[in-house]
Amino acid sequence: MKFITFTDVHVSSINPQSRLGSYLDDILEKLDQIGRAGRKLGVDFYVLAGDLFNLKYPMRNPHSLNTVLIDLFKSYGAPVYATEGNHDLRNDSYKTFDEQPLSVLYASGALTQLRDKTVESGGVKVRLRAFPFQEEPDFKSMVRSKDNADLSIAVMHVYASPNGGMYHLSKMFSYTDLAETGDDLYVLGHLHLDQGIVTMDHHGRNLAFVNVGAVSRGSLVDDNVTRQPKIGYVEISKVARVVTKKVQAIRLTVKPSSEVFDLVSKEKERKRAEEAESFVEKLRSEDKGEDSIVRIDTELSSMGLDKAILDCVNHYLTETDMVLRGA
């Protein structure tokens, strides 16, 4: 049994800020590469671990985009099983999911919504379990029930890394946390940073984690400037009741960063943000009284700061004010 995994495509017909050329054309070319790779390798299916779309509101995704995606995925030559990421949901809620563009792709048959499905090929039986985006997932409630599958695969849209920790203000789960579900192979999305492919022994079980990062390099952050987008390739074999899995990453061909990003503007933006954050941190350490925000705001107005810097400063000041007032 062979399949390809990919995640965080973030397709959009609108160019992200600081992006050169056509963002949509670049994304569609990478999706086409994935289909070509799958056909060449003769895969049985594909797995998309969330965030196909970038913009959460349906009116910002034209019907023409859906038409192109439907035709593209139908050309893959094998089923594409998908789950939902936070960008596929408006307000991170399923209440209006039938209005979302991803639901249109499900209805078209170009993508198959994955929840719990058993797939058989080449004498191997695999159970696919999908866990779409949740703000606070409870892995103990996701424990695998008994089955006769040779291998169980969990597809998750969740911040995860080998050792866990924090990512911005969100909890980053460790692979040990995820292992509580009792699956054998984990296909992960949500975290754009490439965590590679990791195998580990967990209570006598040999587990594998495919967490190769986003297909997209949409937002201009340091990671995206140098990161090489990848997809995962998995082969599962069964000989004399012994099941083995081979997992590797495949690099996608992308343009050099200099042709994709406005690096000059990015550097100016980074310096402005650093100046603003440094300035606000200094103000916070010098005066923490509740009336300090008003006094600081008055001082800022008389300093003649660049508007971009002032906007950043005001953003941090607003956050500080909320903390001081217990908001």
Protein backbone atom coordinates (compact mmCIF):
# COMPACT_ATOMS: atom_id res chain seq x y z
CA MET A 1 0.00 0.00 0.00
CA LYS A 2 1.35 3.41 -0.97
CA PHE A 3 0.10 6.92 -0.30
CA ILE A 4 1.18 10.56 -0.25
CA THR A 5 0.52 13.05 2.54
CA PHE A 6 0.46 16.84 2.32
CA THR A 7 -0.90 19.68 4.39
CA ASP A 8 -1.48 23.42 4.83
CA VAL A 9 -1.83 24.35 1.18
CA HIS A 10 -3.47 27.71 1.99
CA VAL A 11 -4.65 28.24 -1.56
CA SER A 12 -6.01 31.70 -2.38
CA SER A 13 -6.62 33.84 -5.45
CA ILE A 14 -5.42 36.87 -3.44
CA ASN A 15 -1.70 37.51 -3.16
CA PRO A 16 -0.42 37.63 0.44
CA GLN A 17 1.44 40.75 1.53
CA SER A 18 5.09 40.97 0.42
CA ARG A 19 4.54 38.26 -2.18
CA LEU A 20 5.90 38.67 -5.72
CA GLY A 21 4.36 37.15 -8.84
CA SER A 22 1.18 35.03 -8.69
CA TYR A 23 0.71 33.23 -5.39
CA LEU A 24 -2.18 31.21 -6.84
CA ASP A 25 -0.14 29.99 -9.81
CA ASP A 26 2.67 28.91 -7.46
CA ILE A 27 0.26 26.95 -5.23
CA LEU A 28 -1.50 25.28 -8.16
CA GLU A 29 1.85 24.26 -9.63
CA LYS A 30 2.81 22.59 -6.33
CA LEU A 31 -0.54 20.78 -6.19
CA ASP A 32 0.07 19.59 -9.73
CA GLN A 33 3.49 18.31 -8.66
CA ILE A 34 1.83 16.28 -5.91
CA GLY A 35 -0.53 14.68 -8.40
CA ARG A 36 2.30 13.90 -10.80
CA ALA A 37 4.34 12.33 -7.99
CA GLY A 38 1.39 10.20 -6.92
CA ARG A 39 0.73 8.95 -10.44
CA LYS A 40 4.42 8.17 -10.98
CA LEU A 41 4.63 6.25 -7.68
CA GLY A 42 1.30 4.51 -8.26
CA VAL A 43 -0.18 5.51 -4.90
CA ASP A 44 -3.47 4.10 -3.67
CA PHE A 45 -4.62 7.39 -2.15
CA TYR A 46 -3.57 10.81 -0.86
CA VAL A 47 -4.08 12.36 2.59
CA LEU A 48 -4.60 16.09 3.11
CA ALA A 49 -4.21 17.07 6.79
CA GLY A 50 -6.12 20.37 6.74
CA ASP A 51 -6.01 24.01 5.69
CA LEU A 52 -6.57 23.58 1.98
CA PHE A 53 -7.88 27.16 1.88
CA ASN A 54 -6.27 30.29 3.27
CA LEU A 55 -9.19 32.74 3.59
CA LYS A 56 -11.93 31.61 5.94
CA TYR A 57 -14.81 33.60 4.46
CA PRO A 58 -16.61 32.08 1.43
CA MET A 59 -17.08 35.43 -0.33
CA ARG A 60 -13.29 35.81 -0.56
CA ASN A 61 -12.90 32.52 -2.46
CA PRO A 62 -14.33 32.80 -6.00
CA HIS A 63 -16.26 29.95 -7.61
CA SER A 64 -13.62 29.83 -10.33
CA LEU A 65 -11.06 28.76 -7.70
CA ASN A 66 -13.24 25.81 -6.67
CA THR A 67 -13.65 24.81 -10.32
CA VAL A 68 -9.88 24.74 -10.84
CA LEU A 69 -9.32 22.74 -7.62
CA ILE A 70 -12.04 20.22 -8.48
CA ASP A 71 -10.50 19.54 -11.88
CA LEU A 72 -7.00 19.36 -10.40
CA PHE A 73 -7.82 16.87 -7.62
CA LYS A 74 -9.88 14.71 -9.96
CA SER A 75 -6.78 14.39 -12.13
CA TYR A 76 -4.83 12.78 -9.26
CA GLY A 77 -5.98 9.32 -10.29
CA ALA A 78 -6.67 8.12 -6.73
CA PRO A 79 -8.90 9.18 -3.81
CA VAL A 80 -7.86 12.27 -1.83
CA TYR A 81 -8.92 11.90 1.82
CA ALA A 82 -9.04 15.22 3.63
CA THR A 83 -9.79 16.70 7.00
CA GLU A 84 -10.46 20.29 8.04
CA GLY A 85 -8.00 22.81 9.41
CA ASN A 86 -8.81 26.07 11.17
CA HIS A 87 -8.55 28.01 7.90
CA ASP A 88 -11.22 25.80 6.34
CA LEU A 89 -13.70 26.92 9.01
CA ARG A 90 -15.27 30.31 9.56
CA ASN A 91 -14.69 31.36 13.19
CA ASP A 92 -13.25 27.85 13.77
CA SER A 93 -16.84 26.54 13.83
CA TYR A 94 -18.74 23.86 11.90
CA LYS A 95 -22.06 25.67 12.25
CA THR A 96 -21.85 27.11 8.74
CA PHE A 97 -19.55 24.52 7.18
CA ASP A 98 -22.00 23.82 4.35
CA GLU A 99 -21.26 27.37 3.13
CA GLN A 100 -17.49 26.87 3.13
CA PRO A 101 -15.61 26.23 -0.14
CA LEU A 102 -14.16 22.99 1.23
CA SER A 103 -17.67 21.54 1.57
CA VAL A 104 -18.17 22.23 -2.15
CA LEU A 105 -15.10 20.13 -2.97
CA TYR A 106 -16.44 17.33 -0.76
CA ALA A 107 -19.80 17.47 -2.54
CA SER A 108 -18.09 17.35 -5.93
CA GLY A 109 -16.27 14.12 -5.10
CA ALA A 110 -12.90 15.69 -5.83
CA LEU A 111 -12.05 15.30 -2.12
CA THR A 112 -13.45 12.79 0.37
CA GLN A 113 -14.11 14.01 3.91
CA LEU A 114 -12.22 11.68 6.21
CA ARG A 115 -13.36 10.67 9.66
CA ASP A 116 -12.94 6.89 10.08
CA LYS A 117 -12.38 4.64 7.10
CA THR A 118 -10.77 1.27 6.45
CA VAL A 119 -8.79 0.89 3.23
CA GLU A 120 -7.41 -2.36 1.79
CA SER A 121 -4.76 -2.76 -0.90
CA GLY A 122 -1.97 -5.22 -1.65
CA GLY A 123 -3.02 -7.53 1.16
CA VAL A 124 -2.77 -4.71 3.72
CA LYS A 125 -5.70 -3.36 5.72
CA VAL A 126 -5.29 0.16 7.09
CA ARG A 127 -7.61 2.19 9.28
CA LEU A 128 -7.61 5.95 8.61
CA ARG A 129 -8.86 8.16 11.43
CA ALA A 130 -9.09 11.94 11.01
CA PHE A 131 -9.22 14.52 13.77
CA PRO A 132 -9.97 17.99 12.36
CA PHE A 133 -8.93 21.20 14.04
CA GLN A 134 -9.91 21.62 17.69
CA GLU A 135 -8.81 24.44 19.95
CA GLU A 136 -8.16 22.08 22.88
CA PRO A 137 -8.05 18.45 21.71
CA ASP A 138 -8.51 15.72 24.30
CA PHE A 139 -6.38 12.82 23.10
CA LYS A 140 -7.73 10.44 25.73
CA SER A 141 -11.17 10.75 24.11
CA MET A 142 -9.63 9.78 20.77
CA VAL A 143 -8.33 6.39 21.89
CA ARG A 144 -8.47 3.81 19.13
CA SER A 145 -11.12 1.15 19.53
CA LYS A 146 -10.39 -2.50 18.79
CA ASP A 147 -10.19 -3.38 15.11
CA ASN A 148 -8.61 -5.94 12.82
CA ALA A 149 -6.58 -3.44 10.80
CA ASP A 150 -2.91 -4.10 10.18
CA LEU A 151 -2.11 -0.45 10.86
CA SER A 152 -3.98 2.56 12.21
CA ILE A 153 -3.24 6.06 10.89
CA ALA A 154 -4.28 9.22 12.72
CA VAL A 155 -4.61 12.38 10.61
CA MET A 156 -4.49 15.45 12.87
CA HIS A 157 -4.56 19.20 12.42
CA VAL A 158 -2.80 20.17 15.62
CA TYR A 159 0.36 21.94 16.77
CA ALA A 160 2.78 19.13 17.55
CA SER A 161 6.52 18.54 17.68
CA PRO A 162 8.74 15.80 19.12
CA ASN A 163 9.06 17.45 22.55
CA GLY A 164 6.06 19.81 22.60
CA GLY A 165 6.11 23.19 24.33
CA MET A 166 4.49 26.46 23.23
CA TYR A 167 4.06 27.99 19.79
CA HIS A 168 3.23 31.68 20.06
CA LEU A 169 0.38 31.57 22.61
CA SER A 170 -0.77 28.04 21.76
CA LYS A 171 0.17 24.73 23.34
CA MET A 172 2.45 22.55 21.23
CA PHE A 173 1.70 18.90 21.96
CA SER A 174 4.49 16.35 22.15
CA TYR A 175 4.49 13.13 20.19
CA THR A 176 4.10 11.28 23.47
CA ASP A 177 0.85 13.22 24.03
CA LEU A 178 -0.43 12.16 20.61
CA ALA A 179 0.58 8.53 21.18
CA GLU A 180 -2.21 8.24 23.78
CA THR A 181 -4.65 7.66 20.91
CA GLY A 182 -3.12 4.24 20.22
CA ASP A 183 -2.47 4.71 16.50
CA ASP A 184 0.65 3.55 14.66
CA LEU A 185 1.30 6.36 12.18
CA TYR A 186 0.52 10.06 12.61
CA VAL A 187 0.03 12.44 9.70
CA LEU A 188 0.19 15.97 11.08
CA GLY A 189 -0.82 19.40 9.85
CA HIS A 190 -1.22 22.94 11.27
CA LEU A 191 2.43 23.61 12.17
CA HIS A 192 4.08 25.10 9.08
CA LEU A 193 7.59 24.49 10.39
CA ASP A 194 9.20 21.31 9.10
CA GLN A 195 9.59 18.82 11.98
CA GLY A 196 10.65 16.03 9.65
CA ILE A 197 9.77 12.37 9.99
CA VAL A 198 10.29 10.87 13.43
CA THR A 199 10.04 7.27 14.62
CA MET A 200 9.88 6.32 18.27
CA ASP A 201 9.23 3.34 20.48
CA HIS A 202 6.26 3.85 22.77
CA HIS A 203 5.47 1.04 25.21
CA GLY A 204 6.71 -1.53 22.72
CA ARG A 205 4.93 0.04 19.76
CA ASN A 206 6.94 1.42 16.86
CA LEU A 207 5.36 4.75 15.92
CA ALA A 208 6.03 7.13 13.06
CA PHE A 209 5.17 10.83 12.79
CA VAL A 210 4.98 12.64 9.44
CA ASN A 211 5.20 16.36 10.18
CA VAL A 212 6.98 17.91 7.20
CA GLY A 213 5.34 21.34 7.29
CA ALA A 214 3.21 23.39 4.94
CA VAL A 215 3.03 23.14 1.18
CA SER A 216 2.54 26.90 1.22
CA ARG A 217 5.16 29.56 1.78
CA GLY A 218 2.41 32.17 1.82
CA SER A 219 3.20 34.40 4.77
CA LEU A 220 6.58 36.08 4.80
CA VAL A 221 8.16 34.85 8.02
CA ASP A 222 11.77 33.81 8.50
CA ASP A 223 10.95 30.11 8.26
CA ASN A 224 9.17 30.49 4.94
CA VAL A 225 12.02 32.37 3.31
CA THR A 226 14.39 29.40 3.46
CA ARG A 227 12.12 26.40 4.02
CA GLN A 228 11.81 23.82 1.25
CA PRO A 229 8.18 22.63 1.05
CA LYS A 230 7.81 18.85 1.28
CA ILE A 231 5.25 16.09 1.15
CA GLY A 232 5.30 12.68 2.82
CA TYR A 233 5.43 9.32 1.06
CA VAL A 234 4.43 6.13 2.89
CA GLU A 235 4.75 2.48 1.88
CA ILE A 236 3.15 -0.24 4.04
CA SER A 237 4.00 -3.90 3.47
CA LYS A 238 2.85 -7.14 5.06
CA VAL A 239 4.85 -10.35 4.81
CA ALA A 240 3.97 -13.41 6.89
CA ARG A 241 1.80 -11.25 9.17
CA VAL A 242 4.67 -8.86 9.80
CA VAL A 243 3.73 -5.27 8.90
CA THR A 244 6.43 -2.75 8.04
CA LYS A 245 6.17 0.90 7.11
CA LYS A 246 8.60 2.99 5.12
CA VAL A 247 8.20 6.76 5.41
CA GLN A 248 10.16 9.46 3.62
CA ALA A 249 9.88 13.12 2.68
CA ILE A 250 9.81 14.33 -0.91
CA ARG A 251 10.86 17.88 -1.73
CA LEU A 252 8.68 19.97 -3.98
CA THR A 253 10.32 22.12 -6.63
CA VAL A 254 9.85 25.80 -5.85
CA LYS A 255 11.21 29.11 -7.07
CA PRO A 256 14.11 30.79 -5.22
CA SER A 257 13.01 33.01 -2.33
CA SER A 258 14.29 36.09 -4.16
CA GLU A 259 11.75 35.46 -6.92
CA VAL A 260 8.86 34.82 -4.52
CA PHE A 261 9.22 37.35 -1.69
CA ASP A 262 9.88 41.06 -1.45
CA LEU A 263 12.85 40.54 0.86
CA VAL A 264 13.77 44.24 1.06
CA SER A 265 10.34 45.17 2.40
CA LYS A 266 10.45 42.19 4.74
CA GLU A 267 13.71 43.36 6.31
CA LYS A 268 12.32 46.85 6.85
CA GLU A 269 9.18 45.34 8.39
CA ARG A 270 11.24 43.15 10.72
CA LYS A 271 13.33 46.08 11.94
CA ARG A 272 10.26 48.23 12.57
CA ALA A 273 8.60 45.46 14.56
CA GLU A 274 11.75 44.90 16.64
CA GLU A 275 12.02 48.61 17.42
CA ALA A 276 8.38 48.81 18.43
CA GLU A 277 8.50 45.72 20.64
CA SER A 278 11.75 46.82 22.29
CA PHE A 279 10.34 50.27 22.99
CA VAL A 280 7.14 48.92 24.53
CA GLU A 281 9.01 46.43 26.70
CA LYS A 282 11.09 49.27 28.06
CA LEU A 283 7.95 51.26 28.87
CA ARG A 284 6.39 48.27 30.57
CA SER A 285 9.41 47.76 32.82
CA GLU A 286 9.60 51.44 33.79
CA ASP A 287 5.96 52.11 34.68
CA LYS A 288 3.20 49.63 35.42
CA GLY A 289 0.58 51.95 36.88
CA GLU A 290 -2.93 51.84 35.36
CA ASP A 291 -2.64 55.45 34.20
CA SER A 292 0.68 54.80 32.45
CA ILE A 293 -0.97 53.85 29.15
CA VAL A 294 -2.62 57.26 28.86
CA ARG A 295 0.60 59.06 29.77
CA ILE A 296 2.68 56.97 27.36
CA ASP A 297 0.17 57.54 24.57
CA THR A 298 0.51 61.29 25.05
CA GLU A 299 4.30 61.08 24.92
CA LEU A 300 4.18 58.97 21.76
CA SER A 301 2.03 61.54 19.97
CA SER A 302 4.72 64.17 20.48
CA MET A 303 7.61 62.00 19.27
CA GLY A 304 6.82 62.06 15.55
CA LEU A 305 7.39 58.34 15.09
CA ASP A 306 7.03 56.66 11.71
CA LYS A 307 3.39 55.58 11.30
CA ALA A 308 4.29 51.92 10.81
CA ILE A 309 6.26 51.92 14.06
CA LEU A 310 3.55 53.84 15.88
CA ASP A 311 0.94 51.31 14.77
CA CYS A 312 3.03 48.47 16.15
CA VAL A 313 3.61 50.32 19.42
CA ASN A 314 -0.09 51.03 19.82
CA HIS A 315 -0.85 47.35 19.24
CA TYR A 316 1.47 46.29 22.06
CA LEU A 317 0.18 49.08 24.31
CA THR A 318 -3.38 47.90 23.84
CA GLU A 319 -2.38 44.39 24.88
CA THR A 320 -0.59 45.79 27.93
CA ASP A 321 -3.60 47.88 28.90
CA MET A 322 -5.85 44.81 28.77
CA VAL A 323 -3.45 42.90 31.04
CA LEU A 324 -3.29 45.75 33.54
CA ARG A 325 -7.07 45.98 33.70
CA GLY A 326 -7.45 42.24 34.06
CA ALA A 327 -9.26 41.90 30.73
